[in-house]
């Protein structure tokens, strides 16, 4: 099942976020040239669409059964690794990256207490896999694959460069370049999760994760 535009239906247990719904209403008002309503909706969006704290979000993910680990924020440097510069998506140097991912709330708290600006890494291939659509090239490739290209989508994330589709795990590993602009993140991989940020762009849920991929369901 493909989910590619506002208003299309995803898996029945996936719920659009409030910001997603408000944005759809804002688009409708803008198309009607209803400036007053568009401004009102924009004010509502601004109230809701504020960056959440990373630590509590990481704890919530762990509670869902999603192994988490910290990613070095943009601009992070380490005197032990002068060649390392954090880009928001790489694990900290001298760590094992996704191999350190855990569900242990105490460990998660320690990480985000010691490193509160860390982005959130989620290990894929455990509770879900992710189809990564990168930029216009990825969107074009997905369109060429047709309406039945995607399996049931159990969550959808807006990324700084495109979209992440959360799907049921298959046991497959990572596959880069499935099509131009499309990567598959499975066993042995990871993704950056909301509300992580890359510069002034942050990851955000467009469609919240369904109970199909959540342990607490």
C-alpha atoms as a PDB file:
ATOM      1  CA  UNK A   1       0.000   0.000   0.000  1.00  0.00           C
ATOM      2  CA  UNK A   2       1.466   3.346  -1.018  1.00  0.00           C
ATOM      3  CA  UNK A   3       1.121   6.539   0.979  1.00  0.00           C
ATOM      4  CA  UNK A   4       2.446   9.476  -1.006  1.00  0.00           C
ATOM      5  CA  UNK A   5       0.220  12.510  -0.583  1.00  0.00           C
ATOM      6  CA  UNK A   6      -1.999  14.357   1.868  1.00  0.00           C
ATOM      7  CA  UNK A   7      -5.362  12.699   2.268  1.00  0.00           C
ATOM      8  CA  UNK A   8      -4.416   9.246   1.029  1.00  0.00           C
ATOM      9  CA  UNK A   9      -5.166   6.365   3.361  1.00  0.00           C
ATOM     10  CA  UNK A  10      -2.466   4.322   5.048  1.00  0.00           C
ATOM     11  CA  UNK A  11      -2.895   1.248   7.228  1.00  0.00           C
ATOM     12  CA  UNK A  12      -6.160   1.663   9.189  1.00  0.00           C
ATOM     13  CA  UNK A  13      -4.354   1.682  12.534  1.00  0.00           C
ATOM     14  CA  UNK A  14      -2.032   4.537  11.464  1.00  0.00           C
ATOM     15  CA  UNK A  15      -3.211   7.922  12.733  1.00  0.00           C
ATOM     16  CA  UNK A  16      -2.298  11.268  11.121  1.00  0.00           C
ATOM     17  CA  UNK A  17      -0.704  13.715  13.529  1.00  0.00           C
ATOM     18  CA  UNK A  18      -2.591  16.864  14.496  1.00  0.00           C
ATOM     19  CA  UNK A  19      -0.016  18.987  12.668  1.00  0.00           C
ATOM     20  CA  UNK A  20      -0.497  16.852   9.549  1.00  0.00           C
ATOM     21  CA  UNK A  21      -4.280  17.443   9.667  1.00  0.00           C
ATOM     22  CA  UNK A  22      -3.860  21.171  10.313  1.00  0.00           C
ATOM     23  CA  UNK A  23      -1.433  21.415   7.405  1.00  0.00           C
ATOM     24  CA  UNK A  24      -3.988  19.776   5.119  1.00  0.00           C
ATOM     25  CA  UNK A  25      -6.597  22.301   6.259  1.00  0.00           C
ATOM     26  CA  UNK A  26      -4.094  25.137   5.726  1.00  0.00           C
ATOM     27  CA  UNK A  27      -3.505  23.970   2.144  1.00  0.00           C
ATOM     28  CA  UNK A  28      -7.256  23.950   1.522  1.00  0.00           C
ATOM     29  CA  UNK A  29      -7.616  27.487   2.918  1.00  0.00           C
ATOM     30  CA  UNK A  30      -4.687  28.737   0.839  1.00  0.00           C
ATOM     31  CA  UNK A  31      -6.230  27.283  -2.315  1.00  0.00           C
ATOM     32  CA  UNK A  32      -9.467  29.151  -1.507  1.00  0.00           C
ATOM     33  CA  UNK A  33      -7.476  32.367  -0.940  1.00  0.00           C
ATOM     34  CA  UNK A  34      -8.964  32.484   2.565  1.00  0.00           C
ATOM     35  CA  UNK A  35      -6.149  34.473   4.168  1.00  0.00           C
ATOM     36  CA  UNK A  36      -7.868  34.841   7.551  1.00  0.00           C
ATOM     37  CA  UNK A  37      -8.402  31.098   7.938  1.00  0.00           C
ATOM     38  CA  UNK A  38      -4.915  30.299   6.644  1.00  0.00           C
ATOM     39  CA  UNK A  39      -3.373  32.660   9.209  1.00  0.00           C
ATOM     40  CA  UNK A  40      -5.456  31.131  12.004  1.00  0.00           C
ATOM     41  CA  UNK A  41      -4.374  27.630  11.017  1.00  0.00           C
ATOM     42  CA  UNK A  42      -0.735  28.716  10.737  1.00  0.00           C
ATOM     43  CA  UNK A  43      -0.891  30.001  14.315  1.00  0.00           C
ATOM     44  CA  UNK A  44      -2.265  26.624  15.434  1.00  0.00           C
ATOM     45  CA  UNK A  45       0.491  24.791  13.559  1.00  0.00           C
ATOM     46  CA  UNK A  46       3.137  27.002  15.169  1.00  0.00           C
ATOM     47  CA  UNK A  47       1.771  26.158  18.639  1.00  0.00           C
ATOM     48  CA  UNK A  48       1.910  22.414  18.023  1.00  0.00           C
ATOM     49  CA  UNK A  49       4.950  22.119  15.805  1.00  0.00           C
ATOM     50  CA  UNK A  50       7.654  22.828  18.367  1.00  0.00           C
ATOM     51  CA  UNK A  51      10.704  20.622  18.821  1.00  0.00           C
ATOM     52  CA  UNK A  52      10.148  17.975  21.468  1.00  0.00           C
ATOM     53  CA  UNK A  53      12.901  17.053  23.882  1.00  0.00           C
ATOM     54  CA  UNK A  54      15.066  14.250  22.594  1.00  0.00           C
ATOM     55  CA  UNK A  55      15.521  12.280  25.826  1.00  0.00           C
ATOM     56  CA  UNK A  56      11.809  11.685  26.540  1.00  0.00           C
ATOM     57  CA  UNK A  57      11.290  10.765  22.893  1.00  0.00           C
ATOM     58  CA  UNK A  58      14.100   8.206  23.066  1.00  0.00           C
ATOM     59  CA  UNK A  59      12.525   6.707  26.196  1.00  0.00           C
ATOM     60  CA  UNK A  60       9.153   6.488  24.471  1.00  0.00           C
ATOM     61  CA  UNK A  61      10.675   4.623  21.541  1.00  0.00           C
ATOM     62  CA  UNK A  62      12.383   2.160  23.876  1.00  0.00           C
ATOM     63  CA  UNK A  63       9.036   1.545  25.576  1.00  0.00           C
ATOM     64  CA  UNK A  64       7.586   0.550  22.194  1.00  0.00           C
ATOM     65  CA  UNK A  65      10.235  -2.149  21.873  1.00  0.00           C
ATOM     66  CA  UNK A  66      12.381  -0.093  19.490  1.00  0.00           C
ATOM     67  CA  UNK A  67      16.111  -0.337  20.353  1.00  0.00           C
ATOM     68  CA  UNK A  68      17.605   3.170  20.536  1.00  0.00           C
ATOM     69  CA  UNK A  69      21.082   4.676  20.639  1.00  0.00           C
ATOM     70  CA  UNK A  70      22.517   8.221  20.443  1.00  0.00           C
ATOM     71  CA  UNK A  71      23.782   9.933  17.297  1.00  0.00           C
ATOM     72  CA  UNK A  72      26.307  12.778  17.383  1.00  0.00           C
ATOM     73  CA  UNK A  73      24.626  16.143  16.678  1.00  0.00           C
ATOM     74  CA  UNK A  74      25.653  18.412  13.841  1.00  0.00           C
ATOM     75  CA  UNK A  75      29.001  20.051  14.551  1.00  0.00           C
ATOM     76  CA  UNK A  76      30.059  17.645  17.313  1.00  0.00           C
ATOM     77  CA  UNK A  77      33.824  17.154  17.575  1.00  0.00           C
ATOM     78  CA  UNK A  78      35.939  14.744  19.597  1.00  0.00           C
ATOM     79  CA  UNK A  79      39.571  15.531  20.505  1.00  0.00           C
ATOM     80  CA  UNK A  80      40.321  11.820  20.331  1.00  0.00           C
ATOM     81  CA  UNK A  81      39.146  11.772  16.731  1.00  0.00           C
ATOM     82  CA  UNK A  82      40.207  15.034  15.076  1.00  0.00           C
ATOM     83  CA  UNK A  83      38.911  13.759  11.735  1.00  0.00           C
ATOM     84  CA  UNK A  84      35.367  13.297  13.082  1.00  0.00           C
ATOM     85  CA  UNK A  85      32.642  15.903  12.601  1.00  0.00           C
ATOM     86  CA  UNK A  86      29.086  15.117  13.621  1.00  0.00           C
ATOM     87  CA  UNK A  87      26.473  15.444  10.895  1.00  0.00           C
ATOM     88  CA  UNK A  88      23.466  14.441  13.000  1.00  0.00           C
ATOM     89  CA  UNK A  89      23.269  10.945  11.521  1.00  0.00           C
ATOM     90  CA  UNK A  90      26.552   9.294  12.532  1.00  0.00           C
ATOM     91  CA  UNK A  91      27.095   7.468  15.843  1.00  0.00           C
ATOM     92  CA  UNK A  92      29.534   8.956  18.306  1.00  0.00           C
ATOM     93  CA  UNK A  93      33.153   7.937  17.766  1.00  0.00           C
ATOM     94  CA  UNK A  94      34.391   5.157  20.044  1.00  0.00           C
ATOM     95  CA  UNK A  95      30.899   3.617  20.181  1.00  0.00           C
ATOM     96  CA  UNK A  96      29.430   0.655  18.342  1.00  0.00           C
ATOM     97  CA  UNK A  97      26.527   2.529  16.826  1.00  0.00           C
ATOM     98  CA  UNK A  98      23.398   0.441  16.296  1.00  0.00           C
ATOM     99  CA  UNK A  99      25.112  -2.501  18.005  1.00  0.00           C
ATOM    100  CA  UNK A 100      24.769  -0.520  21.251  1.00  0.00           C
ATOM    101  CA  UNK A 101      21.029   0.023  20.713  1.00  0.00           C
ATOM    102  CA  UNK A 102      19.028  -0.869  23.804  1.00  0.00           C
ATOM    103  CA  UNK A 103      15.585  -0.984  25.384  1.00  0.00           C
ATOM    104  CA  UNK A 104      17.020  -0.383  28.871  1.00  0.00           C
ATOM    105  CA  UNK A 105      15.423   2.848  30.157  1.00  0.00           C
ATOM    106  CA  UNK A 106      18.246   3.480  32.625  1.00  0.00           C
ATOM    107  CA  UNK A 107      20.844   3.374  29.861  1.00  0.00           C
ATOM    108  CA  UNK A 108      18.703   5.607  27.657  1.00  0.00           C
ATOM    109  CA  UNK A 109      18.375   8.127  30.487  1.00  0.00           C
ATOM    110  CA  UNK A 110      22.144   8.102  31.075  1.00  0.00           C
ATOM    111  CA  UNK A 111      22.867   8.739  27.411  1.00  0.00           C
ATOM    112  CA  UNK A 112      20.495  11.688  27.078  1.00  0.00           C
ATOM    113  CA  UNK A 113      21.432  13.094  30.492  1.00  0.00           C
ATOM    114  CA  UNK A 114      25.112  13.087  29.562  1.00  0.00           C
ATOM    115  CA  UNK A 115      24.517  14.057  25.914  1.00  0.00           C
ATOM    116  CA  UNK A 116      21.135  15.846  25.782  1.00  0.00           C
ATOM    117  CA  UNK A 117      21.624  17.172  22.250  1.00  0.00           C
ATOM    118  CA  UNK A 118      22.103  13.713  20.763  1.00  0.00           C
ATOM    119  CA  UNK A 119      19.878  12.772  17.871  1.00  0.00           C
ATOM    120  CA  UNK A 120      18.001   9.487  18.155  1.00  0.00           C
ATOM    121  CA  UNK A 121      19.049   6.389  16.262  1.00  0.00           C
ATOM    122  CA  UNK A 122      16.594   3.489  15.888  1.00  0.00           C
ATOM    123  CA  UNK A 123      17.830   0.027  14.973  1.00  0.00           C
ATOM    124  CA  UNK A 124      15.884  -1.360  12.018  1.00  0.00           C
ATOM    125  CA  UNK A 125      15.050  -4.989  11.360  1.00  0.00           C
ATOM    126  CA  UNK A 126      13.676  -5.566  14.878  1.00  0.00           C
ATOM    127  CA  UNK A 127      10.163  -4.097  15.125  1.00  0.00           C
ATOM    128  CA  UNK A 128      10.130  -2.540  11.667  1.00  0.00           C
ATOM    129  CA  UNK A 129      12.066  -1.950   8.460  1.00  0.00           C
ATOM    130  CA  UNK A 130      12.234   1.445   6.750  1.00  0.00           C
ATOM    131  CA  UNK A 131      11.983   2.401   3.091  1.00  0.00           C
ATOM    132  CA  UNK A 132      14.000   5.599   2.659  1.00  0.00           C
ATOM    133  CA  UNK A 133      12.874   7.900  -0.161  1.00  0.00           C
ATOM    134  CA  UNK A 134      15.569  10.514  -0.758  1.00  0.00           C
ATOM    135  CA  UNK A 135      14.769  13.757  -2.555  1.00  0.00           C
ATOM    136  CA  UNK A 136      13.062  14.289  -5.917  1.00  0.00           C
ATOM    137  CA  UNK A 137      14.994  11.378  -7.426  1.00  0.00           C
ATOM    138  CA  UNK A 138      13.515   8.974  -4.890  1.00  0.00           C
ATOM    139  CA  UNK A 139      10.010  10.374  -5.334  1.00  0.00           C
ATOM    140  CA  UNK A 140      10.290   9.921  -9.105  1.00  0.00           C
ATOM    141  CA  UNK A 141      11.556   6.349  -8.693  1.00  0.00           C
ATOM    142  CA  UNK A 142       8.687   5.504  -6.347  1.00  0.00           C
ATOM    143  CA  UNK A 143       6.153   6.922  -8.798  1.00  0.00           C
ATOM    144  CA  UNK A 144       7.626   4.798 -11.593  1.00  0.00           C
ATOM    145  CA  UNK A 145       7.212   1.661  -9.478  1.00  0.00           C
ATOM    146  CA  UNK A 146       3.449   2.146  -9.390  1.00  0.00           C
ATOM    147  CA  UNK A 147       0.716   2.290  -6.729  1.00  0.00           C
ATOM    148  CA  UNK A 148       1.393  -1.198  -5.354  1.00  0.00           C
ATOM    149  CA  UNK A 149       5.122  -0.678  -4.859  1.00  0.00           C
ATOM    150  CA  UNK A 150       4.985  -0.380  -1.073  1.00  0.00           C
ATOM    151  CA  UNK A 151       3.745  -2.906   1.479  1.00  0.00           C
ATOM    152  CA  UNK A 152       1.376  -1.732   4.225  1.00  0.00           C
ATOM    153  CA  UNK A 153       2.809   1.434   5.750  1.00  0.00           C
ATOM    154  CA  UNK A 154       2.749   1.539   9.562  1.00  0.00           C
ATOM    155  CA  UNK A 155       4.266   4.996  10.028  1.00  0.00           C
ATOM    156  CA  UNK A 156       5.527   7.862   7.908  1.00  0.00           C
ATOM    157  CA  UNK A 157       8.257  10.375   8.766  1.00  0.00           C
ATOM    158  CA  UNK A 158       9.156  13.632   7.069  1.00  0.00           C
ATOM    159  CA  UNK A 159      12.963  13.804   6.860  1.00  0.00           C
ATOM    160  CA  UNK A 160      15.244  16.711   5.926  1.00  0.00           C
ATOM    161  CA  UNK A 161      15.644  15.200   2.440  1.00  0.00           C
ATOM    162  CA  UNK A 162      12.569  13.081   1.865  1.00  0.00           C
ATOM    163  CA  UNK A 163      10.392  10.459   3.557  1.00  0.00           C
ATOM    164  CA  UNK A 164      10.778   7.347   5.695  1.00  0.00           C
ATOM    165  CA  UNK A 165       8.085   4.679   5.365  1.00  0.00           C
ATOM    166  CA  UNK A 166       7.948   2.305   8.344  1.00  0.00           C
ATOM    167  CA  UNK A 167       6.906  -1.216   7.331  1.00  0.00           C
ATOM    168  CA  UNK A 168       6.796  -4.639   8.981  1.00  0.00           C
ATOM    169  CA  UNK A 169      10.220  -6.302   9.345  1.00  0.00           C
ATOM    170  CA  UNK A 170      11.103  -8.877   6.699  1.00  0.00           C
ATOM    171  CA  UNK A 171      14.404 -10.243   7.991  1.00  0.00           C
ATOM    172  CA  UNK A 172      16.188  -8.748   4.987  1.00  0.00           C
ATOM    173  CA  UNK A 173      19.319  -6.662   5.467  1.00  0.00           C
ATOM    174  CA  UNK A 174      20.125  -3.184   4.194  1.00  0.00           C
ATOM    175  CA  UNK A 175      19.919  -2.536   0.480  1.00  0.00           C
ATOM    176  CA  UNK A 176      21.272   0.740  -0.845  1.00  0.00           C
ATOM    177  CA  UNK A 177      20.111   1.980  -4.206  1.00  0.00           C
ATOM    178  CA  UNK A 178      17.150  -0.355  -4.673  1.00  0.00           C
ATOM    179  CA  UNK A 179      16.167   2.279  -7.202  1.00  0.00           C
ATOM    180  CA  UNK A 180      17.691   5.736  -7.687  1.00  0.00           C
ATOM    181  CA  UNK A 181      16.977   7.649  -4.478  1.00  0.00           C
ATOM    182  CA  UNK A 182      15.484   4.626  -2.661  1.00  0.00           C
ATOM    183  CA  UNK A 183      17.278   2.691   0.103  1.00  0.00           C
ATOM    184  CA  UNK A 184      15.995  -0.139   2.280  1.00  0.00           C
ATOM    185  CA  UNK A 185      16.907  -0.239   5.972  1.00  0.00           C
ATOM    186  CA  UNK A 186      16.495  -3.676   7.484  1.00  0.00           C
ATOM    187  CA  UNK A 187      18.457  -6.003   9.766  1.00  0.00           C
ATOM    188  CA  UNK A 188      21.809  -4.480  10.659  1.00  0.00           C
ATOM    189  CA  UNK A 189      20.763  -0.927   9.858  1.00  0.00           C
ATOM    190  CA  UNK A 190      19.323   2.141  11.521  1.00  0.00           C
ATOM    191  CA  UNK A 191      17.502   5.397  10.880  1.00  0.00           C
ATOM    192  CA  UNK A 192      17.434   8.796  12.524  1.00  0.00           C
ATOM    193  CA  UNK A 193      14.128   9.344  14.346  1.00  0.00           C
ATOM    194  CA  UNK A 194      11.904  12.314  15.221  1.00  0.00           C
ATOM    195  CA  UNK A 195      12.417  14.863  16.692  1.00  0.00           C
ATOM    196  CA  UNK A 196      16.090  14.681  15.685  1.00  0.00           C
ATOM    197  CA  UNK A 197      17.384  17.655  13.703  1.00  0.00           C
ATOM    198  CA  UNK A 198      19.865  18.258  10.914  1.00  0.00           C
ATOM    199  CA  UNK A 199      20.593  21.969  11.012  1.00  0.00           C
ATOM    200  CA  UNK A 200      17.254  23.791  10.931  1.00  0.00           C
ATOM    201  CA  UNK A 201      15.407  20.783   9.513  1.00  0.00           C
ATOM    202  CA  UNK A 202      14.036  18.141  11.809  1.00  0.00           C
ATOM    203  CA  UNK A 203      12.465  14.752  11.476  1.00  0.00           C
ATOM    204  CA  UNK A 204       8.736  14.665  12.262  1.00  0.00           C
ATOM    205  CA  UNK A 205       5.947  12.115  12.180  1.00  0.00           C
ATOM    206  CA  UNK A 206       3.483  12.656   9.351  1.00  0.00           C
ATOM    207  CA  UNK A 207       1.651   9.442  10.189  1.00  0.00           C
ATOM    208  CA  UNK A 208       2.181   8.189  13.730  1.00  0.00           C
ATOM    209  CA  UNK A 209       3.371   4.580  14.147  1.00  0.00           C
ATOM    210  CA  UNK A 210       0.558   2.049  14.222  1.00  0.00           C
ATOM    211  CA  UNK A 211       0.123  -0.638  16.901  1.00  0.00           C
ATOM    212  CA  UNK A 212       1.347  -3.146  14.307  1.00  0.00           C
ATOM    213  CA  UNK A 213       4.957  -2.151  15.015  1.00  0.00           C
ATOM    214  CA  UNK A 214       4.675  -1.160  18.681  1.00  0.00           C
ATOM    215  CA  UNK A 215       5.317  -3.521  21.555  1.00  0.00           C
ATOM    216  CA  UNK A 216       2.962  -1.649  23.877  1.00  0.00           C
ATOM    217  CA  UNK A 217       0.020  -2.148  21.520  1.00  0.00           C
END
